[in-house]
Amino acid sequence: MQFFFTDIFKKEVKQHAQNNKNLRNRIDECILDFKEHFLDSRYYRKPLKWYEKEDIHELSVGWDPRIFIQIFKKEDECYFLNFWTHASLELKSKKRLRIDLVRKR
């Protein structure tokens, strides 16, 4: 499996973890564990029901922080789309999580 990191993912991780070394370490540990164990990772949570057709899943970094990924099984690729909180999935405001899906042609 090949893993790719979107610019949005990198930006959000930098923004949220810049003053929190412990969070940054947990994010790095989550990514490494997921790369090694894939869907059997201890950080893997579930597929997102709102994005079933796009095969979007979430990884739990802690109580609330999440990493959102998109999997392309045929191409054997996984994209890290965004880092945000689980609570942000329920927001009705403009602060709602932004997931820019990777489109394969």
PDB file of N, CA and C in Angstrom:
ATOM      1  N   MET A   1       0.845  -1.177   0.000  1.00  0.00           N
ATOM      2  CA  MET A   1       0.000   0.000   0.000  1.00  0.00           C
ATOM      3  C   MET A   1       0.892   1.243   0.000  1.00  0.00           C
ATOM      4  N   GLN A   2       0.529   2.190  -0.851  1.00  0.00           N
ATOM      5  CA  GLN A   2       1.237   3.468  -0.885  1.00  0.00           C
ATOM      6  C   GLN A   2       0.412   4.488  -0.098  1.00  0.00           C
ATOM      7  N   PHE A   3       1.103   5.364   0.620  1.00  0.00           N
ATOM      8  CA  PHE A   3       0.445   6.364   1.446  1.00  0.00           C
ATOM      9  C   PHE A   3       0.836   7.755   0.974  1.00  0.00           C
ATOM     10  N   PHE A   4      -0.174   8.640   0.907  1.00  0.00           N
ATOM     11  CA  PHE A   4       0.041  10.015   0.458  1.00  0.00           C
ATOM     12  C   PHE A   4      -0.600  10.964   1.470  1.00  0.00           C
ATOM     13  N   PHE A   5      -0.006  12.134   1.609  1.00  0.00           N
ATOM     14  CA  PHE A   5      -0.499  13.138   2.545  1.00  0.00           C
ATOM     15  C   PHE A   5      -0.898  14.381   1.768  1.00  0.00           C
ATOM     16  N   THR A   6      -2.168  14.790   1.900  1.00  0.00           N
ATOM     17  CA  THR A   6      -2.641  15.977   1.190  1.00  0.00           C
ATOM     18  C   THR A   6      -2.104  17.233   1.878  1.00  0.00           C
ATOM     19  N   ASP A   7      -2.117  18.328   1.153  1.00  0.00           N
ATOM     20  CA  ASP A   7      -1.665  19.605   1.706  1.00  0.00           C
ATOM     21  C   ASP A   7      -2.550  20.042   2.872  1.00  0.00           C
ATOM     22  N   ILE A   8      -3.840  19.783   2.766  1.00  0.00           N
ATOM     23  CA  ILE A   8      -4.756  20.143   3.855  1.00  0.00           C
ATOM     24  C   ILE A   8      -4.400  19.366   5.113  1.00  0.00           C
ATOM     25  N   PHE A   9      -4.105  18.085   4.971  1.00  0.00           N
ATOM     26  CA  PHE A   9      -3.722  17.270   6.125  1.00  0.00           C
ATOM     27  C   PHE A   9      -2.476  17.855   6.787  1.00  0.00           C
ATOM     28  N   LYS A  10      -1.466  18.139   6.003  1.00  0.00           N
ATOM     29  CA  LYS A  10      -0.217  18.691   6.551  1.00  0.00           C
ATOM     30  C   LYS A  10      -0.463  20.016   7.262  1.00  0.00           C
ATOM     31  N   LYS A  11      -1.283  20.870   6.665  1.00  0.00           N
ATOM     32  CA  LYS A  11      -1.581  22.188   7.236  1.00  0.00           C
ATOM     33  C   LYS A  11      -2.313  22.050   8.571  1.00  0.00           C
ATOM     34  N   GLU A  12      -3.326  21.193   8.618  1.00  0.00           N
ATOM     35  CA  GLU A  12      -4.105  21.024   9.842  1.00  0.00           C
ATOM     36  C   GLU A  12      -3.283  20.409  10.967  1.00  0.00           C
ATOM     37  N   VAL A  13      -2.453  19.432  10.643  1.00  0.00           N
ATOM     38  CA  VAL A  13      -1.589  18.826  11.662  1.00  0.00           C
ATOM     39  C   VAL A  13      -0.635  19.882  12.217  1.00  0.00           C
ATOM     40  N   LYS A  14      -0.037  20.648  11.338  1.00  0.00           N
ATOM     41  CA  LYS A  14       0.889  21.699  11.774  1.00  0.00           C
ATOM     42  C   LYS A  14       0.174  22.705  12.674  1.00  0.00           C
ATOM     43  N   GLN A  15      -1.016  23.122  12.283  1.00  0.00           N
ATOM     44  CA  GLN A  15      -1.769  24.111  13.043  1.00  0.00           C
ATOM     45  C   GLN A  15      -2.171  23.582  14.421  1.00  0.00           C
ATOM     46  N   HIS A  16      -2.675  22.366  14.487  1.00  0.00           N
ATOM     47  CA  HIS A  16      -3.180  21.833  15.750  1.00  0.00           C
ATOM     48  C   HIS A  16      -2.085  21.330  16.680  1.00  0.00           C
ATOM     49  N   ALA A  17      -0.977  20.896  16.132  1.00  0.00           N
ATOM     50  CA  ALA A  17       0.055  20.273  16.965  1.00  0.00           C
ATOM     51  C   ALA A  17       1.289  21.144  17.176  1.00  0.00           C
ATOM     52  N   GLN A  18       1.299  22.364  16.652  1.00  0.00           N
ATOM     53  CA  GLN A  18       2.504  23.189  16.743  1.00  0.00           C
ATOM     54  C   GLN A  18       2.912  23.503  18.180  1.00  0.00           C
ATOM     55  N   ASN A  19       1.971  23.638  19.074  1.00  0.00           N
ATOM     56  CA  ASN A  19       2.288  23.938  20.474  1.00  0.00           C
ATOM     57  C   ASN A  19       2.014  22.762  21.399  1.00  0.00           C
ATOM     58  N   ASN A  20       1.842  21.590  20.819  1.00  0.00           N
ATOM     59  CA  ASN A  20       1.509  20.414  21.613  1.00  0.00           C
ATOM     60  C   ASN A  20       2.349  19.229  21.126  1.00  0.00           C
ATOM     61  N   LYS A  21       3.526  19.096  21.701  1.00  0.00           N
ATOM     62  CA  LYS A  21       4.446  18.035  21.281  1.00  0.00           C
ATOM     63  C   LYS A  21       3.849  16.647  21.527  1.00  0.00           C
ATOM     64  N   ASN A  22       3.089  16.499  22.601  1.00  0.00           N
ATOM     65  CA  ASN A  22       2.468  15.215  22.901  1.00  0.00           C
ATOM     66  C   ASN A  22       1.478  14.817  21.803  1.00  0.00           C
ATOM     67  N   LEU A  23       0.683  15.770  21.340  1.00  0.00           N
ATOM     68  CA  LEU A  23      -0.260  15.494  20.256  1.00  0.00           C
ATOM     69  C   LEU A  23       0.493  15.118  18.984  1.00  0.00           C
ATOM     70  N   ARG A  24       1.553  15.838  18.676  1.00  0.00           N
ATOM     71  CA  ARG A  24       2.346  15.534  17.479  1.00  0.00           C
ATOM     72  C   ARG A  24       2.909  14.115  17.547  1.00  0.00           C
ATOM     73  N   ASN A  25       3.384  13.717  18.714  1.00  0.00           N
ATOM     74  CA  ASN A  25       3.909  12.357  18.896  1.00  0.00           C
ATOM     75  C   ASN A  25       2.814  11.312  18.703  1.00  0.00           C
ATOM     76  N   ARG A  26       1.615  11.588  19.218  1.00  0.00           N
ATOM     77  CA  ARG A  26       0.492  10.648  19.041  1.00  0.00           C
ATOM     78  C   ARG A  26       0.090  10.540  17.575  1.00  0.00           C
ATOM     79  N   ILE A  27       0.111  11.664  16.858  1.00  0.00           N
ATOM     80  CA  ILE A  27      -0.214  11.651  15.429  1.00  0.00           C
ATOM     81  C   ILE A  27       0.798  10.797  14.673  1.00  0.00           C
ATOM     82  N   ASP A  28       2.073  11.020  14.943  1.00  0.00           N
ATOM     83  CA  ASP A  28       3.128  10.239  14.283  1.00  0.00           C
ATOM     84  C   ASP A  28       3.001   8.752  14.599  1.00  0.00           C
ATOM     85  N   GLU A  29       2.715   8.432  15.855  1.00  0.00           N
ATOM     86  CA  GLU A  29       2.542   7.037  16.256  1.00  0.00           C
ATOM     87  C   GLU A  29       1.346   6.405  15.552  1.00  0.00           C
ATOM     88  N   CYS A  30       0.260   7.158  15.448  1.00  0.00           N
ATOM     89  CA  CYS A  30      -0.947   6.688  14.763  1.00  0.00           C
ATOM     90  C   CYS A  30      -0.649   6.377  13.300  1.00  0.00           C
ATOM     91  N   ILE A  31       0.042   7.277  12.628  1.00  0.00           N
ATOM     92  CA  ILE A  31       0.372   7.089  11.214  1.00  0.00           C
ATOM     93  C   ILE A  31       1.248   5.862  11.019  1.00  0.00           C
ATOM     94  N   LEU A  32       2.268   5.719  11.850  1.00  0.00           N
ATOM     95  CA  LEU A  32       3.171   4.566  11.734  1.00  0.00           C
ATOM     96  C   LEU A  32       2.431   3.256  11.992  1.00  0.00           C
ATOM     97  N   ASP A  33       1.595   3.229  13.028  1.00  0.00           N
ATOM     98  CA  ASP A  33       0.843   2.016  13.343  1.00  0.00           C
ATOM     99  C   ASP A  33      -0.134   1.674  12.214  1.00  0.00           C
ATOM    100  N   PHE A  34      -0.780   2.690  11.656  1.00  0.00           N
ATOM    101  CA  PHE A  34      -1.713   2.441  10.564  1.00  0.00           C
ATOM    102  C   PHE A  34      -0.985   1.926   9.322  1.00  0.00           C
ATOM    103  N   LYS A  35       0.163   2.487   9.021  1.00  0.00           N
ATOM    104  CA  LYS A  35       0.930   2.011   7.868  1.00  0.00           C
ATOM    105  C   LYS A  35       1.348   0.551   8.041  1.00  0.00           C
ATOM    106  N   GLU A  36       1.649   0.185   9.261  1.00  0.00           N
ATOM    107  CA  GLU A  36       2.101  -1.182   9.529  1.00  0.00           C
ATOM    108  C   GLU A  36       0.951  -2.184   9.590  1.00  0.00           C
ATOM    109  N   HIS A  37      -0.171  -1.788  10.194  1.00  0.00           N
ATOM    110  CA  HIS A  37      -1.267  -2.732  10.445  1.00  0.00           C
ATOM    111  C   HIS A  37      -2.525  -2.459   9.627  1.00  0.00           C
ATOM    112  N   PHE A  38      -2.554  -1.358   8.926  1.00  0.00           N
ATOM    113  CA  PHE A  38      -3.679  -0.949   8.088  1.00  0.00           C
ATOM    114  C   PHE A  38      -4.985  -1.004   8.877  1.00  0.00           C
ATOM    115  N   LEU A  39      -6.015  -1.685   8.410  1.00  0.00           N
ATOM    116  CA  LEU A  39      -7.318  -1.665   9.079  1.00  0.00           C
ATOM    117  C   LEU A  39      -7.328  -2.420  10.401  1.00  0.00           C
ATOM    118  N   ASP A  40      -6.254  -3.122  10.707  1.00  0.00           N
ATOM    119  CA  ASP A  40      -6.117  -3.782  12.004  1.00  0.00           C
ATOM    120  C   ASP A  40      -5.386  -2.902  13.013  1.00  0.00           C
ATOM    121  N   SER A  41      -5.083  -1.683  12.635  1.00  0.00           N
ATOM    122  CA  SER A  41      -4.402  -0.735  13.515  1.00  0.00           C
ATOM    123  C   SER A  41      -5.242  -0.470  14.751  1.00  0.00           C
ATOM    124  N   ARG A  42      -4.585  -0.277  15.876  1.00  0.00           N
ATOM    125  CA  ARG A  42      -5.326   0.025  17.104  1.00  0.00           C
ATOM    126  C   ARG A  42      -5.950   1.421  17.048  1.00  0.00           C
ATOM    127  N   TYR A  43      -5.547   2.249  16.095  1.00  0.00           N
ATOM    128  CA  TYR A  43      -6.085   3.596  15.947  1.00  0.00           C
ATOM    129  C   TYR A  43      -7.263   3.654  14.970  1.00  0.00           C
ATOM    130  N   TYR A  44      -7.457   2.584  14.228  1.00  0.00           N
ATOM    131  CA  TYR A  44      -8.545   2.563  13.245  1.00  0.00           C
ATOM    132  C   TYR A  44      -9.885   2.555  13.963  1.00  0.00           C
ATOM    133  N   ARG A  45     -10.827   3.446  13.513  1.00  0.00           N
ATOM    134  CA  ARG A  45     -12.150   3.503  14.130  1.00  0.00           C
ATOM    135  C   ARG A  45     -13.213   2.865  13.250  1.00  0.00           C
ATOM    136  N   LYS A  46     -13.496   3.504  12.113  1.00  0.00           N
ATOM    137  CA  LYS A  46     -14.618   3.028  11.294  1.00  0.00           C
ATOM    138  C   LYS A  46     -14.669   3.792   9.981  1.00  0.00           C
ATOM    139  N   PRO A  47     -15.426   3.272   9.018  1.00  0.00           N
ATOM    140  CA  PRO A  47     -15.707   4.057   7.812  1.00  0.00           C
ATOM    141  C   PRO A  47     -16.752   5.117   8.148  1.00  0.00           C
ATOM    142  N   LEU A  48     -16.702   6.243   7.459  1.00  0.00           N
ATOM    143  CA  LEU A  48     -17.690   7.296   7.685  1.00  0.00           C
ATOM    144  C   LEU A  48     -18.918   7.027   6.820  1.00  0.00           C
ATOM    145  N   LYS A  49     -20.059   6.936   7.444  1.00  0.00           N
ATOM    146  CA  LYS A  49     -21.281   6.590   6.723  1.00  0.00           C
ATOM    147  C   LYS A  49     -21.701   7.667   5.734  1.00  0.00           C
ATOM    148  N   TRP A  50     -21.274   8.914   5.951  1.00  0.00           N
ATOM    149  CA  TRP A  50     -21.616   9.992   5.023  1.00  0.00           C
ATOM    150  C   TRP A  50     -20.838   9.887   3.724  1.00  0.00           C
ATOM    151  N   TYR A  51     -19.744   9.147   3.753  1.00  0.00           N
ATOM    152  CA  TYR A  51     -18.856   9.064   2.592  1.00  0.00           C
ATOM    153  C   TYR A  51     -18.609   7.601   2.182  1.00  0.00           C
ATOM    154  N   GLU A  52     -19.605   6.774   2.275  1.00  0.00           N
ATOM    155  CA  GLU A  52     -19.432   5.351   1.980  1.00  0.00           C
ATOM    156  C   GLU A  52     -18.916   5.101   0.570  1.00  0.00           C
ATOM    157  N   LYS A  53     -19.441   5.808  -0.403  1.00  0.00           N
ATOM    158  CA  LYS A  53     -19.032   5.584  -1.793  1.00  0.00           C
ATOM    159  C   LYS A  53     -17.589   5.980  -2.036  1.00  0.00           C
ATOM    160  N   GLU A  54     -17.077   6.937  -1.274  1.00  0.00           N
ATOM    161  CA  GLU A  54     -15.706   7.404  -1.459  1.00  0.00           C
ATOM    162  C   GLU A  54     -14.709   6.631  -0.602  1.00  0.00           C
ATOM    163  N   ASP A  55     -15.171   5.699   0.231  1.00  0.00           N
ATOM    164  CA  ASP A  55     -14.323   4.873   1.087  1.00  0.00           C
ATOM    165  C   ASP A  55     -13.469   5.727   2.030  1.00  0.00           C
ATOM    166  N   ILE A  56     -14.153   6.606   2.796  1.00  0.00           N
ATOM    167  CA  ILE A  56     -13.505   7.466   3.776  1.00  0.00           C
ATOM    168  C   ILE A  56     -13.595   6.796   5.142  1.00  0.00           C
ATOM    169  N   HIS A  57     -12.485   6.823   5.875  1.00  0.00           N
ATOM    170  CA  HIS A  57     -12.407   6.195   7.193  1.00  0.00           C
ATOM    171  C   HIS A  57     -11.799   7.171   8.183  1.00  0.00           C
ATOM    172  N   GLU A  58     -11.959   6.860   9.473  1.00  0.00           N
ATOM    173  CA  GLU A  58     -11.343   7.707  10.482  1.00  0.00           C
ATOM    174  C   GLU A  58     -10.428   6.898  11.389  1.00  0.00           C
ATOM    175  N   LEU A  59      -9.361   7.550  11.799  1.00  0.00           N
ATOM    176  CA  LEU A  59      -8.422   7.011  12.768  1.00  0.00           C
ATOM    177  C   LEU A  59      -8.517   7.888  14.007  1.00  0.00           C
ATOM    178  N   SER A  60      -8.545   7.283  15.172  1.00  0.00           N
ATOM    179  CA  SER A  60      -8.654   8.031  16.415  1.00  0.00           C
ATOM    180  C   SER A  60      -7.268   8.249  17.007  1.00  0.00           C
ATOM    181  N   VAL A  61      -6.880   9.520  17.144  1.00  0.00           N
ATOM    182  CA  VAL A  61      -5.569   9.860  17.694  1.00  0.00           C
ATOM    183  C   VAL A  61      -5.656  10.008  19.211  1.00  0.00           C
ATOM    184  N   GLY A  62      -6.820  10.315  19.699  1.00  0.00           N
ATOM    185  CA  GLY A  62      -7.057  10.486  21.129  1.00  0.00           C
ATOM    186  C   GLY A  62      -8.542  10.481  21.384  1.00  0.00           C
ATOM    187  N   TRP A  63      -8.966  11.162  22.438  1.00  0.00           N
ATOM    188  CA  TRP A  63     -10.391  11.194  22.753  1.00  0.00           C
ATOM    189  C   TRP A  63     -11.195  11.842  21.628  1.00  0.00           C
ATOM    190  N   ASP A  64     -10.750  12.978  21.121  1.00  0.00           N
ATOM    191  CA  ASP A  64     -11.504  13.688  20.097  1.00  0.00           C
ATOM    192  C   ASP A  64     -10.761  13.847  18.763  1.00  0.00           C
ATOM    193  N   PRO A  65      -9.442  14.033  18.753  1.00  0.00           N
ATOM    194  CA  PRO A  65      -8.741  14.240  17.474  1.00  0.00           C
ATOM    195  C   PRO A  65      -8.841  13.022  16.551  1.00  0.00           C
ATOM    196  N   ARG A  66      -9.060  13.299  15.258  1.00  0.00           N
ATOM    197  CA  ARG A  66      -9.201  12.240  14.261  1.00  0.00           C
ATOM    198  C   ARG A  66      -8.372  12.548  13.021  1.00  0.00           C
ATOM    199  N   ILE A  67      -7.939  11.489  12.379  1.00  0.00           N
ATOM    200  CA  ILE A  67      -7.313  11.574  11.062  1.00  0.00           C
ATOM    201  C   ILE A  67      -8.298  10.937  10.098  1.00  0.00           C
ATOM    202  N   PHE A  68      -8.575  11.637   9.003  1.00  0.00           N
ATOM    203  CA  PHE A  68      -9.516  11.137   8.006  1.00  0.00           C
ATOM    204  C   PHE A  68      -8.738  10.714   6.772  1.00  0.00           C
ATOM    205  N   ILE A  69      -9.022   9.504   6.307  1.00  0.00           N
ATOM    206  CA  ILE A  69      -8.288   8.924   5.188  1.00  0.00           C
ATOM    207  C   ILE A  69      -9.245   8.466   4.098  1.00  0.00           C
ATOM    208  N   GLN A  70      -8.718   8.350   2.896  1.00  0.00           N
ATOM    209  CA  GLN A  70      -9.473   7.810   1.768  1.00  0.00           C
ATOM    210  C   GLN A  70      -8.661   6.664   1.187  1.00  0.00           C
ATOM    211  N   ILE A  71      -9.316   5.537   0.964  1.00  0.00           N
ATOM    212  CA  ILE A  71      -8.635   4.333   0.491  1.00  0.00           C
ATOM    213  C   ILE A  71      -9.093   3.997  -0.923  1.00  0.00           C
ATOM    214  N   PHE A  72      -8.121   3.713  -1.763  1.00  0.00           N
ATOM    215  CA  PHE A  72      -8.387   3.219  -3.121  1.00  0.00           C
ATOM    216  C   PHE A  72      -7.813   1.807  -3.193  1.00  0.00           C
ATOM    217  N   LYS A  73      -8.679   0.824  -3.016  1.00  0.00           N
ATOM    218  CA  LYS A  73      -8.225  -0.565  -2.941  1.00  0.00           C
ATOM    219  C   LYS A  73      -7.639  -1.055  -4.260  1.00  0.00           C
ATOM    220  N   LYS A  74      -8.273  -0.708  -5.381  1.00  0.00           N
ATOM    221  CA  LYS A  74      -7.772  -1.170  -6.685  1.00  0.00           C
ATOM    222  C   LYS A  74      -6.379  -0.653  -6.978  1.00  0.00           C
ATOM    223  N   GLU A  75      -6.132   0.610  -6.617  1.00  0.00           N
ATOM    224  CA  GLU A  75      -4.832   1.221  -6.878  1.00  0.00           C
ATOM    225  C   GLU A  75      -3.837   0.964  -5.755  1.00  0.00           C
ATOM    226  N   ASP A  76      -4.302   0.358  -4.662  1.00  0.00           N
ATOM    227  CA  ASP A  76      -3.466   0.082  -3.499  1.00  0.00           C
ATOM    228  C   ASP A  76      -2.860   1.372  -2.947  1.00  0.00           C
ATOM    229  N   GLU A  77      -3.744   2.391  -2.776  1.00  0.00           N
ATOM    230  CA  GLU A  77      -3.312   3.699  -2.296  1.00  0.00           C
ATOM    231  C   GLU A  77      -4.201   4.164  -1.145  1.00  0.00           C
ATOM    232  N   CYS A  78      -3.606   4.946  -0.271  1.00  0.00           N
ATOM    233  CA  CYS A  78      -4.319   5.543   0.847  1.00  0.00           C
ATOM    234  C   CYS A  78      -3.884   7.003   0.971  1.00  0.00           C
ATOM    235  N   TYR A  79      -4.864   7.899   1.062  1.00  0.00           N
ATOM    236  CA  TYR A  79      -4.595   9.332   1.181  1.00  0.00           C
ATOM    237  C   TYR A  79      -5.021   9.822   2.560  1.00  0.00           C
ATOM    238  N   PHE A  80      -4.122  10.504   3.238  1.00  0.00           N
ATOM    239  CA  PHE A  80      -4.459  11.161   4.490  1.00  0.00           C
ATOM    240  C   PHE A  80      -5.069  12.508   4.113  1.00  0.00           C
ATOM    241  N   LEU A  81      -6.374  12.658   4.327  1.00  0.00           N
ATOM    242  CA  LEU A  81      -7.112  13.816   3.834  1.00  0.00           C
ATOM    243  C   LEU A  81      -7.098  15.010   4.780  1.00  0.00           C
ATOM    244  N   ASN A  82      -7.339  14.747   6.062  1.00  0.00           N
ATOM    245  CA  ASN A  82      -7.467  15.855   6.990  1.00  0.00           C
ATOM    246  C   ASN A  82      -7.261  15.379   8.418  1.00  0.00           C
ATOM    247  N   PHE A  83      -6.952  16.324   9.279  1.00  0.00           N
ATOM    248  CA  PHE A  83      -6.850  16.092  10.716  1.00  0.00           C
ATOM    249  C   PHE A  83      -7.778  17.084  11.383  1.00  0.00           C
ATOM    250  N   TRP A  84      -8.687  16.594  12.203  1.00  0.00           N
ATOM    251  CA  TRP A  84      -9.640  17.473  12.855  1.00  0.00           C
ATOM    252  C   TRP A  84     -10.187  16.746  14.061  1.00  0.00           C
ATOM    253  N   THR A  85     -11.304  17.192  14.570  1.00  0.00           N
ATOM    254  CA  THR A  85     -11.898  16.529  15.722  1.00  0.00           C
ATOM    255  C   THR A  85     -13.163  15.797  15.313  1.00  0.00           C
ATOM    256  N   HIS A  86     -13.495  14.778  16.072  1.00  0.00           N
ATOM    257  CA  HIS A  86     -14.717  14.025  15.808  1.00  0.00           C
ATOM    258  C   HIS A  86     -15.932  14.930  15.965  1.00  0.00           C
ATOM    259  N   ALA A  87     -15.881  15.834  16.933  1.00  0.00           N
ATOM    260  CA  ALA A  87     -17.001  16.753  17.164  1.00  0.00           C
ATOM    261  C   ALA A  87     -17.264  17.626  15.945  1.00  0.00           C
ATOM    262  N   SER A  88     -16.250  17.921  15.152  1.00  0.00           N
ATOM    263  CA  SER A  88     -16.422  18.792  13.984  1.00  0.00           C
ATOM    264  C   SER A  88     -17.308  18.166  12.919  1.00  0.00           C
ATOM    265  N   LEU A  89     -17.489  16.873  12.953  1.00  0.00           N
ATOM    266  CA  LEU A  89     -18.347  16.208  11.976  1.00  0.00           C
ATOM    267  C   LEU A  89     -19.810  16.605  12.159  1.00  0.00           C
ATOM    268  N   GLU A  90     -20.160  17.057  13.345  1.00  0.00           N
ATOM    269  CA  GLU A  90     -21.554  17.379  13.650  1.00  0.00           C
ATOM    270  C   GLU A  90     -21.862  18.862  13.583  1.00  0.00           C
ATOM    271  N   LEU A  91     -20.878  19.700  13.323  1.00  0.00           N
ATOM    272  CA  LEU A  91     -21.100  21.141  13.319  1.00  0.00           C
ATOM    273  C   LEU A  91     -21.989  21.577  12.159  1.00  0.00           C
ATOM    274  N   LYS A  92     -22.827  22.538  12.402  1.00  0.00           N
ATOM    275  CA  LYS A  92     -23.695  23.084  11.365  1.00  0.00           C
ATOM    276  C   LYS A  92     -23.169  24.426  10.852  1.00  0.00           C
ATOM    277  N   SER A  93     -22.048  24.866  11.382  1.00  0.00           N
ATOM    278  CA  SER A  93     -21.494  26.171  11.008  1.00  0.00           C
ATOM    279  C   SER A  93     -20.445  26.032   9.918  1.00  0.00           C
ATOM    280  N   LYS A  94     -19.813  27.138   9.578  1.00  0.00           N
ATOM    281  CA  LYS A  94     -18.762  27.135   8.561  1.00  0.00           C
ATOM    282  C   LYS A  94     -17.480  26.487   9.066  1.00  0.00           C
ATOM    283  N   LYS A  95     -17.392  26.198  10.372  1.00  0.00           N
ATOM    284  CA  LYS A  95     -16.208  25.556  10.937  1.00  0.00           C
ATOM    285  C   LYS A  95     -16.220  24.055  10.724  1.00  0.00           C
ATOM    286  N   ARG A  96     -17.201  23.565  10.024  1.00  0.00           N
ATOM    287  CA  ARG A  96     -17.332  22.137   9.786  1.00  0.00           C
ATOM    288  C   ARG A  96     -16.109  21.589   9.064  1.00  0.00           C
ATOM    289  N   LEU A  97     -15.795  20.374   9.336  1.00  0.00           N
ATOM    290  CA  LEU A  97     -14.644  19.708   8.748  1.00  0.00           C
ATOM    291  C   LEU A  97     -14.676  19.773   7.231  1.00  0.00           C
ATOM    292  N   ARG A  98     -13.537  20.094   6.659  1.00  0.00           N
ATOM    293  CA  ARG A  98     -13.422  20.133   5.206  1.00  0.00           C
ATOM    294  C   ARG A  98     -12.725  18.857   4.739  1.00  0.00           C
ATOM    295  N   ILE A  99     -13.426  18.088   3.955  1.00  0.00           N
ATOM    296  CA  ILE A  99     -12.828  16.891   3.367  1.00  0.00           C
ATOM    297  C   ILE A  99     -12.833  17.064   1.854  1.00  0.00           C
ATOM    298  N   ASP A 100     -11.671  17.252   1.314  1.00  0.00           N
ATOM    299  CA  ASP A 100     -11.518  17.327  -0.134  1.00  0.00           C
ATOM    300  C   ASP A 100     -11.152  15.932  -0.632  1.00  0.00           C
ATOM    301  N   LEU A 101     -12.095  15.298  -1.268  1.00  0.00           N
ATOM    302  CA  LEU A 101     -11.887  13.931  -1.720  1.00  0.00           C
ATOM    303  C   LEU A 101     -10.895  13.890  -2.864  1.00  0.00           C
ATOM    304  N   VAL A 102     -10.130  12.840  -2.897  1.00  0.00           N
ATOM    305  CA  VAL A 102      -9.219  12.598  -4.013  1.00  0.00           C
ATOM    306  C   VAL A 102     -10.037  11.920  -5.097  1.00  0.00           C
ATOM    307  N   ARG A 103     -10.016  12.452  -6.269  1.00  0.00           N
ATOM    308  CA  ARG A 103     -10.785  11.894  -7.399  1.00  0.00           C
ATOM    309  C   ARG A 103      -9.848  11.141  -8.328  1.00  0.00           C
ATOM    310  N   LYS A 104     -10.150   9.895  -8.525  1.00  0.00           N
ATOM    311  CA  LYS A 104      -9.355   9.060  -9.448  1.00  0.00           C
ATOM    312  C   LYS A 104     -10.076   8.992 -10.771  1.00  0.00           C
ATOM    313  N   ARG A 105      -9.347   9.090 -11.853  1.00  0.00           N
ATOM    314  CA  ARG A 105      -9.954   9.016 -13.185  1.00  0.00           C
ATOM    315  C   ARG A 105      -9.607   7.721 -13.852  1.00  0.00           C
TER     316      ARG A 105
END
